[in-house]
Amino acid sequence: MLGGFAVLGLTGLIVGVRTKLGHEELLTAIYCQRRLSEPHGKFLDEIEQLSLLDADIKERLKLTVVD
């Protein structure tokens, strides 16, 4: 039971942070960290395959990752 409460609390924190930052900002932060150790071409393909984002967000994310 205590484990369940811990999971609910952690989920609440994650949802709060995600809502605060927004999808685009969260993805930008993740890709900026990953680009330090992985090739850029991999990111461009990965971003293109994200089905939850519209074309405008994908383009802004690509520009952020490549810069």
Protein backbone atom coordinates (compact mmCIF):
# COMPACT_ATOMS: atom_id res chain seq x y z
CA MET A 1 0.00 0.00 0.00
CA LEU A 2 2.82 2.41 0.81
CA GLY A 3 4.43 1.55 -2.53
CA GLY A 4 1.20 2.52 -4.28
CA PHE A 5 1.15 5.87 -2.54
CA ALA A 6 4.77 6.44 -3.52
CA VAL A 7 3.98 5.66 -7.17
CA LEU A 8 1.00 8.02 -7.13
CA GLY A 9 3.10 10.79 -5.60
CA LEU A 10 5.89 10.30 -8.14
CA THR A 11 3.38 10.27 -10.99
CA GLY A 12 1.92 13.52 -9.71
CA LEU A 13 5.35 15.14 -9.66
CA ILE A 14 6.14 13.98 -13.17
CA VAL A 15 2.82 15.20 -14.52
CA GLY A 16 3.29 18.55 -12.79
CA VAL A 17 6.74 19.05 -14.30
CA ARG A 18 5.57 17.95 -17.74
CA THR A 19 2.64 20.33 -17.64
CA LYS A 20 4.84 23.15 -16.45
CA LEU A 21 7.47 22.71 -19.13
CA GLY A 22 5.29 21.63 -22.00
CA HIS A 23 6.04 19.01 -24.62
CA GLU A 24 8.26 21.09 -26.83
CA GLU A 25 10.47 22.40 -24.05
CA LEU A 26 10.83 18.94 -22.53
CA LEU A 27 11.82 17.37 -25.85
CA THR A 28 14.23 20.23 -26.58
CA ALA A 29 15.97 19.73 -23.24
CA ILE A 30 16.23 15.97 -23.80
CA TYR A 31 17.62 16.28 -27.33
CA CYS A 32 20.08 19.00 -26.32
CA GLN A 33 21.55 16.67 -23.72
CA ARG A 34 21.61 13.67 -26.06
CA ARG A 35 23.24 15.57 -28.94
CA LEU A 36 26.43 15.83 -26.93
CA SER A 37 27.07 12.11 -27.37
CA GLU A 38 25.01 10.97 -30.38
CA PRO A 39 25.04 11.88 -34.11
CA HIS A 40 22.64 14.59 -35.35
CA GLY A 41 21.26 12.47 -38.21
CA LYS A 42 19.81 10.03 -35.73
CA PHE A 43 17.88 12.83 -34.04
CA LEU A 44 16.43 14.18 -37.27
CA ASP A 45 15.05 10.75 -38.19
CA GLU A 46 13.74 10.23 -34.67
CA ILE A 47 12.01 13.63 -34.59
CA GLU A 48 10.39 12.98 -37.96
CA GLN A 49 8.87 9.76 -36.60
CA LEU A 50 7.25 11.45 -33.57
CA SER A 51 3.54 11.09 -34.32
CA LEU A 52 2.22 13.30 -31.51
CA LEU A 53 3.77 16.52 -32.80
CA ASP A 54 2.59 18.75 -35.62
CA ALA A 55 4.92 19.89 -38.41
CA ASP A 56 5.67 23.31 -36.85
CA ILE A 57 6.89 21.83 -33.58
CA LYS A 58 8.96 19.24 -35.45
CA GLU A 59 10.69 21.95 -37.48
CA ARG A 60 11.46 24.07 -34.41
CA LEU A 61 12.78 21.01 -32.61
CA LYS A 62 15.00 20.11 -35.57
CA LEU A 63 16.43 23.63 -35.67
CA THR A 64 17.17 23.51 -31.95
CA VAL A 65 18.89 20.13 -32.17
CA VAL A 66 21.05 20.97 -35.18
CA ASP A 67 22.25 24.37 -33.88
